[in-house]
């Protein structure tokens, strides 16, 4: 492991998710002898304890982040959602298809001597051998500059777009609850192939002048793919870097809400602008590596719940997982 990642979920977050008391969570941790830690009276734990405690039966999904525009924060979102999903006990595989390898670098992985997707397609390496463990329950297929020729490799070898990634990921799906693909900010064969193997495509939109133009191109490309391959591709939009202080943020949000197509694709959550994201990436950590509360954590938490199809339970509703609440006082 080349990473310094040490993500945490607090016992209070667990209690909130499950709709039980904090004391009940503490009792479960003790009774089941689950590993946890304490810092200034705050109890927290990581992936393995979360998996044992929550016992969520995840619907296995492949999601891809893509839009025809750079700077929308798709890598930061992919990184944060992967980590938060992992803290709910989901086993995660991230796949970096962008030749800029931002997601690979965010996880502090040096991929110079590591196999990447272009090596897999050229059959220099089996896909399982390209997987690097980042942290417990979180793996990565990294990227480097050589992935810039993915489109050429797919075309020259006449790989069928609807199968080139899907077939290779099929054998991995049973091992992971969530596979997250970070695509380059462009159209092309590789992005189309990622679209065709995804259960959900997520397009981050930012309050910027050309952001909606990039979204329009991405949506049109998805419609073309649906028509050409006779498939339906679930497509969602997340408004990222929303700043309540700026007119443009409110204008873009209003445009998305009023749009006849975009409105129904829009996540309920939007992500507020926060320096926590670039700071975490720059330091090779996740926003969930510390125990401080923040708007970034709140927003990513809500978005992750939407993506995973889970939600916080009311105190009387503890159907999530297999927790026996008969002992709760």
Protein backbone atom coordinates (compact mmCIF):
# COMPACT_ATOMS: atom_id res chain seq x y z
CA UNK A 1 0.00 0.00 0.00
CA UNK A 2 1.42 3.39 -1.06
CA UNK A 3 -1.34 5.40 0.56
CA UNK A 4 -1.70 7.44 3.72
CA UNK A 5 -5.48 7.05 3.64
CA UNK A 6 -7.00 6.55 7.09
CA UNK A 7 -10.70 7.28 6.68
CA UNK A 8 -13.08 7.14 9.63
CA UNK A 9 -16.79 7.03 10.37
CA UNK A 10 -18.00 8.04 13.81
CA UNK A 11 -20.29 6.08 16.07
CA UNK A 12 -22.68 9.04 16.05
CA UNK A 13 -22.85 8.84 12.23
CA UNK A 14 -23.61 5.14 12.54
CA UNK A 15 -26.36 5.81 15.06
CA UNK A 16 -27.84 8.49 12.80
CA UNK A 17 -27.81 6.20 9.75
CA UNK A 18 -29.45 3.32 11.57
CA UNK A 19 -31.89 5.37 13.60
CA UNK A 20 -30.64 4.02 16.93
CA UNK A 21 -29.07 5.59 19.99
CA UNK A 22 -25.36 6.27 20.29
CA UNK A 23 -25.32 4.07 23.40
CA UNK A 24 -26.71 1.20 21.36
CA UNK A 25 -23.90 1.53 18.81
CA UNK A 26 -21.34 1.51 21.62
CA UNK A 27 -22.94 -1.62 23.02
CA UNK A 28 -22.89 -3.36 19.62
CA UNK A 29 -19.22 -2.52 19.16
CA UNK A 30 -18.42 -3.97 22.56
CA UNK A 31 -20.70 -7.02 22.37
CA UNK A 32 -19.50 -8.03 18.92
CA UNK A 33 -15.90 -7.19 19.78
CA UNK A 34 -15.59 -4.87 16.77
CA UNK A 35 -12.47 -2.76 16.40
CA UNK A 36 -13.03 0.89 17.23
CA UNK A 37 -11.00 3.85 18.45
CA UNK A 38 -11.56 6.88 20.63
CA UNK A 39 -10.40 10.47 20.25
CA UNK A 40 -11.56 13.19 22.64
CA UNK A 41 -14.66 11.19 23.62
CA UNK A 42 -15.55 10.47 19.99
CA UNK A 43 -15.66 6.83 18.98
CA UNK A 44 -14.86 5.98 15.37
CA UNK A 45 -14.00 3.01 13.20
CA UNK A 46 -13.13 1.98 9.65
CA UNK A 47 -14.29 -0.27 6.83
CA UNK A 48 -14.19 -3.72 8.43
CA UNK A 49 -16.12 -2.69 11.54
CA UNK A 50 -18.62 -0.78 9.37
CA UNK A 51 -19.17 -3.86 7.22
CA UNK A 52 -19.82 -6.00 10.29
CA UNK A 53 -21.95 -3.41 12.02
CA UNK A 54 -24.16 -2.21 9.16
CA UNK A 55 -24.41 -5.46 7.18
CA UNK A 56 -25.94 -3.55 4.27
CA UNK A 57 -27.00 -5.66 1.33
CA UNK A 58 -25.76 -3.34 -1.42
CA UNK A 59 -27.14 -3.47 -4.94
CA UNK A 60 -23.97 -4.04 -6.95
CA UNK A 61 -23.34 -1.16 -9.34
CA UNK A 62 -20.87 0.22 -11.82
CA UNK A 63 -20.97 4.02 -11.99
CA UNK A 64 -18.91 6.34 -14.15
CA UNK A 65 -18.14 10.03 -13.71
CA UNK A 66 -17.95 11.83 -17.03
CA UNK A 67 -18.61 15.18 -18.69
CA UNK A 68 -17.09 16.96 -21.67
CA UNK A 69 -15.42 19.65 -19.59
CA UNK A 70 -12.41 19.78 -17.33
CA UNK A 71 -12.40 21.31 -13.87
CA UNK A 72 -15.84 20.11 -12.78
CA UNK A 73 -14.42 18.18 -9.82
CA UNK A 74 -15.37 14.72 -11.05
CA UNK A 75 -12.18 13.15 -9.67
CA UNK A 76 -12.63 14.75 -6.26
CA UNK A 77 -16.22 13.49 -6.19
CA UNK A 78 -15.23 9.98 -7.30
CA UNK A 79 -12.52 9.91 -4.62
CA UNK A 80 -14.77 11.17 -1.81
CA UNK A 81 -17.72 8.93 -2.73
CA UNK A 82 -15.46 5.88 -2.96
CA UNK A 83 -14.15 6.56 0.54
CA UNK A 84 -17.56 7.30 2.06
CA UNK A 85 -19.13 4.23 0.46
CA UNK A 86 -16.26 2.17 1.86
CA UNK A 87 -17.07 3.57 5.33
CA UNK A 88 -20.59 2.19 4.98
CA UNK A 89 -19.02 -1.22 4.53
CA UNK A 90 -19.05 -1.35 0.72
CA UNK A 91 -16.15 -3.03 -1.04
CA UNK A 92 -14.97 -0.58 -3.70
CA UNK A 93 -12.99 -0.77 -6.94
CA UNK A 94 -11.99 2.52 -8.57
CA UNK A 95 -10.86 2.54 -12.20
CA UNK A 96 -8.92 5.52 -13.51
CA UNK A 97 -9.29 5.86 -17.29
CA UNK A 98 -8.04 9.44 -17.52
CA UNK A 99 -4.51 9.73 -18.90
CA UNK A 100 -3.97 12.64 -16.48
CA UNK A 101 -4.25 10.01 -13.70
CA UNK A 102 -5.69 12.45 -11.17
CA UNK A 103 -7.57 9.76 -9.27
CA UNK A 104 -4.46 7.59 -9.16
CA UNK A 105 -2.47 10.49 -7.73
CA UNK A 106 -5.26 11.31 -5.27
CA UNK A 107 -4.82 7.84 -3.82
CA UNK A 108 -1.04 8.41 -3.69
CA UNK A 109 -0.32 5.58 -6.13
CA UNK A 110 2.73 5.72 -8.40
CA UNK A 111 1.60 3.93 -11.55
CA UNK A 112 4.84 4.22 -13.55
CA UNK A 113 5.58 0.53 -13.13
CA UNK A 114 1.95 -0.55 -12.72
CA UNK A 115 -0.32 -2.03 -15.41
CA UNK A 116 -3.15 0.22 -16.56
CA UNK A 117 -6.20 -0.25 -18.80
CA UNK A 118 -4.25 0.05 -22.05
CA UNK A 119 -2.08 -2.88 -20.93
CA UNK A 120 -5.19 -4.90 -20.15
CA UNK A 121 -6.71 -4.26 -23.58
CA UNK A 122 -3.44 -5.13 -25.29
CA UNK A 123 -3.49 -8.35 -23.25
CA UNK A 124 -0.17 -7.62 -21.62
CA UNK A 125 -1.84 -8.07 -18.25
CA UNK A 126 -4.95 -9.75 -16.83
CA UNK A 127 -7.35 -7.25 -15.27
CA UNK A 128 -7.11 -8.87 -11.83
CA UNK A 129 -3.34 -8.36 -11.87
CA UNK A 130 -3.79 -4.63 -12.47
CA UNK A 131 -5.65 -4.11 -9.19
CA UNK A 132 -3.82 -2.29 -6.40
CA UNK A 133 -5.09 -2.28 -2.83
CA UNK A 134 -5.38 1.30 -1.55
CA UNK A 135 -6.84 0.60 1.88
CA UNK A 136 -8.97 -2.05 3.51
CA UNK A 137 -11.90 -2.78 1.19
CA UNK A 138 -10.83 -0.19 -1.40
CA UNK A 139 -8.92 -1.10 -4.57
CA UNK A 140 -7.76 0.78 -7.65
CA UNK A 141 -6.87 0.09 -11.27
CA UNK A 142 -4.56 3.07 -11.83
CA UNK A 143 -3.83 5.19 -14.87
CA UNK A 144 -0.84 6.84 -16.52
CA UNK A 145 -0.20 8.83 -19.71
CA UNK A 146 -0.27 5.70 -21.90
CA UNK A 147 -4.04 5.52 -21.44
CA UNK A 148 -4.20 8.44 -23.90
CA UNK A 149 -4.22 5.85 -26.72
CA UNK A 150 -7.19 3.86 -25.37
CA UNK A 151 -9.47 5.14 -28.14
CA UNK A 152 -6.96 4.07 -30.81
CA UNK A 153 -6.50 0.64 -29.25
CA UNK A 154 -10.27 0.07 -29.15
CA UNK A 155 -10.69 1.18 -32.79
CA UNK A 156 -7.65 -0.63 -34.24
CA UNK A 157 -8.63 -3.88 -32.56
CA UNK A 158 -12.29 -3.37 -33.46
CA UNK A 159 -13.34 -4.10 -29.92
CA UNK A 160 -17.16 -3.99 -29.60
CA UNK A 161 -17.91 -0.92 -27.49
CA UNK A 162 -20.69 -2.60 -25.55
CA UNK A 163 -18.39 -5.41 -24.45
CA UNK A 164 -14.82 -4.14 -24.27
CA UNK A 165 -15.06 -3.02 -20.62
CA UNK A 166 -18.20 -4.87 -19.63
CA UNK A 167 -16.73 -8.30 -20.35
CA UNK A 168 -13.54 -7.54 -18.48
CA UNK A 169 -15.39 -6.17 -15.48
CA UNK A 170 -17.96 -8.94 -15.40
CA UNK A 171 -15.70 -11.32 -13.49
CA UNK A 172 -14.84 -8.58 -10.98
CA UNK A 173 -18.41 -7.49 -10.22
CA UNK A 174 -19.08 -10.32 -7.79
CA UNK A 175 -16.10 -9.19 -5.68
CA UNK A 176 -17.19 -5.56 -5.30
CA UNK A 177 -20.28 -3.71 -4.14
CA UNK A 178 -19.43 -0.62 -6.15
CA UNK A 179 -17.12 -0.03 -9.12
CA UNK A 180 -16.37 3.63 -9.83
CA UNK A 181 -14.92 4.70 -13.19
CA UNK A 182 -13.29 8.10 -13.55
CA UNK A 183 -13.37 9.06 -17.23
CA UNK A 184 -11.38 11.71 -19.11
CA UNK A 185 -13.24 14.98 -19.86
CA UNK A 186 -13.79 14.09 -23.52
CA UNK A 187 -15.88 12.08 -25.95
CA UNK A 188 -14.50 8.99 -27.59
CA UNK A 189 -14.40 5.22 -27.77
CA UNK A 190 -13.17 4.64 -24.24
CA UNK A 191 -15.75 6.93 -22.62
CA UNK A 192 -18.52 5.37 -24.73
CA UNK A 193 -17.41 1.91 -23.63
CA UNK A 194 -17.45 3.06 -20.00
CA UNK A 195 -20.95 4.44 -20.54
CA UNK A 196 -22.17 1.12 -21.93
CA UNK A 197 -20.87 -0.88 -18.97
CA UNK A 198 -22.25 1.51 -16.34
CA UNK A 199 -25.42 1.13 -14.30
CA UNK A 200 -25.31 4.88 -13.74
CA UNK A 201 -23.50 7.76 -15.44
CA UNK A 202 -22.94 10.81 -13.25
CA UNK A 203 -22.14 14.21 -14.78
CA UNK A 204 -20.81 16.88 -12.40
CA UNK A 205 -21.85 20.39 -13.39
CA UNK A 206 -20.28 23.51 -11.90
CA UNK A 207 -21.57 27.10 -11.82
CA UNK A 208 -19.37 28.19 -14.71
CA UNK A 209 -20.04 29.76 -18.09
CA UNK A 210 -19.35 26.72 -20.28
CA UNK A 211 -20.43 23.98 -17.88
CA UNK A 212 -23.93 23.61 -19.34
CA UNK A 213 -22.42 23.38 -22.84
CA UNK A 214 -20.33 20.42 -21.69
CA UNK A 215 -23.40 18.84 -20.12
CA UNK A 216 -25.39 19.29 -23.34
CA UNK A 217 -22.67 17.51 -25.35
CA UNK A 218 -22.47 14.67 -22.83
CA UNK A 219 -26.23 14.17 -22.78
CA UNK A 220 -26.38 14.16 -26.58
CA UNK A 221 -23.61 11.55 -26.71
CA UNK A 222 -25.50 9.33 -24.27
CA UNK A 223 -28.67 9.68 -26.36
CA UNK A 224 -26.69 8.66 -29.45
CA UNK A 225 -25.27 5.63 -27.64
CA UNK A 226 -28.73 4.63 -26.45
CA UNK A 227 -30.07 4.86 -30.00
CA UNK A 228 -27.15 3.02 -31.62
CA UNK A 229 -27.04 0.18 -29.12
CA UNK A 230 -30.71 -0.08 -28.20
CA UNK A 231 -30.08 0.37 -24.48
CA UNK A 232 -31.24 2.68 -21.72
CA UNK A 233 -28.48 4.33 -19.71
CA UNK A 234 -29.40 5.77 -16.30
CA UNK A 235 -27.95 9.26 -16.24
CA UNK A 236 -27.74 11.68 -13.30
CA UNK A 237 -26.49 15.23 -12.80
CA UNK A 238 -24.78 16.53 -9.67
CA UNK A 239 -24.32 20.25 -9.16
CA UNK A 240 -20.82 20.67 -7.75
CA UNK A 241 -18.94 23.66 -6.27
CA UNK A 242 -22.18 25.47 -5.46
CA UNK A 243 -21.53 28.83 -3.79
CA UNK A 244 -24.55 30.41 -2.10
CA UNK A 245 -22.89 33.83 -2.34
CA UNK A 246 -22.76 33.98 -6.13
CA UNK A 247 -25.50 34.82 -8.58
CA UNK A 248 -24.13 32.36 -11.14
CA UNK A 249 -24.53 29.40 -8.75
CA UNK A 250 -28.21 30.19 -8.23
CA UNK A 251 -28.70 30.84 -11.93
CA UNK A 252 -27.21 27.47 -12.94
CA UNK A 253 -29.26 25.67 -10.28
CA UNK A 254 -32.42 27.42 -11.47
CA UNK A 255 -31.63 26.49 -15.09
CA UNK A 256 -31.17 22.82 -14.18
CA UNK A 257 -34.39 22.73 -12.16
CA UNK A 258 -36.45 24.38 -14.91
CA UNK A 259 -34.98 22.30 -17.74
CA UNK A 260 -37.45 19.63 -18.98
CA UNK A 261 -34.74 16.93 -19.20
CA UNK A 262 -32.12 17.94 -16.66
CA UNK A 263 -34.62 18.46 -13.84
CA UNK A 264 -35.56 14.80 -13.54
CA UNK A 265 -31.89 13.76 -13.75
CA UNK A 266 -30.73 16.08 -10.98
CA UNK A 267 -29.66 14.59 -7.65
CA UNK A 268 -31.52 15.99 -4.65
CA UNK A 269 -28.16 16.81 -3.12
CA UNK A 270 -25.78 19.46 -4.39
CA UNK A 271 -22.15 19.85 -3.33
CA UNK A 272 -21.18 23.17 -1.81
CA UNK A 273 -17.84 24.68 -2.66
CA UNK A 274 -15.23 23.77 -0.07
CA UNK A 275 -11.48 24.00 0.24
CA UNK A 276 -11.58 20.62 2.02
CA UNK A 277 -11.60 18.79 -1.32
CA UNK A 278 -8.40 20.21 -2.87
CA UNK A 279 -6.68 20.22 0.52
CA UNK A 280 -7.37 16.53 1.05
CA UNK A 281 -6.25 15.61 -2.47
CA UNK A 282 -3.06 17.66 -2.12
CA UNK A 283 -2.22 15.92 1.15
CA UNK A 284 -2.97 12.43 -0.15
CA UNK A 285 -5.81 11.89 2.30
CA UNK A 286 -9.61 11.85 2.20
CA UNK A 287 -11.97 14.45 3.62
CA UNK A 288 -13.07 11.72 6.05
CA UNK A 289 -9.60 11.19 7.49
CA UNK A 290 -10.33 13.62 10.34
CA UNK A 291 -13.27 13.82 12.75
CA UNK A 292 -14.23 17.45 12.15
CA UNK A 293 -17.70 18.21 10.86
CA UNK A 294 -17.85 20.10 7.57
CA UNK A 295 -20.20 21.00 4.73
CA UNK A 296 -18.08 18.86 2.39
CA UNK A 297 -18.64 15.76 4.53
CA UNK A 298 -22.35 16.47 4.92
CA UNK A 299 -22.86 16.90 1.18
CA UNK A 300 -20.82 13.86 0.15
CA UNK A 301 -22.60 11.77 2.77
CA UNK A 302 -26.02 12.68 1.35
CA UNK A 303 -24.88 12.12 -2.24
CA UNK A 304 -23.35 8.75 -1.34
CA UNK A 305 -26.60 7.64 0.25
CA UNK A 306 -28.48 8.59 -2.93
CA UNK A 307 -26.03 6.69 -5.12
CA UNK A 308 -26.03 3.58 -2.91
CA UNK A 309 -29.80 3.67 -2.47
CA UNK A 310 -29.62 3.86 1.31
CA UNK A 311 -30.96 6.50 3.63
CA UNK A 312 -30.88 7.46 7.26
CA UNK A 313 -33.55 5.70 9.29
CA UNK A 314 -36.07 7.26 11.57
CA UNK A 315 -35.67 6.18 15.21
CA UNK A 316 -38.49 3.65 14.85
CA UNK A 317 -37.20 2.27 11.55
CA UNK A 318 -34.19 0.00 11.90
CA UNK A 319 -34.79 -2.32 8.97
CA UNK A 320 -31.38 -1.52 7.45
CA UNK A 321 -28.92 -4.33 8.09
CA UNK A 322 -29.32 -7.14 10.55
CA UNK A 323 -29.01 -5.23 13.79
CA UNK A 324 -31.10 -6.66 16.63
CA UNK A 325 -32.62 -3.58 18.26
CA UNK A 326 -34.46 -5.48 20.96
CA UNK A 327 -31.72 -4.43 23.42
CA UNK A 328 -32.01 -0.74 22.67
CA UNK A 329 -33.03 1.34 25.66
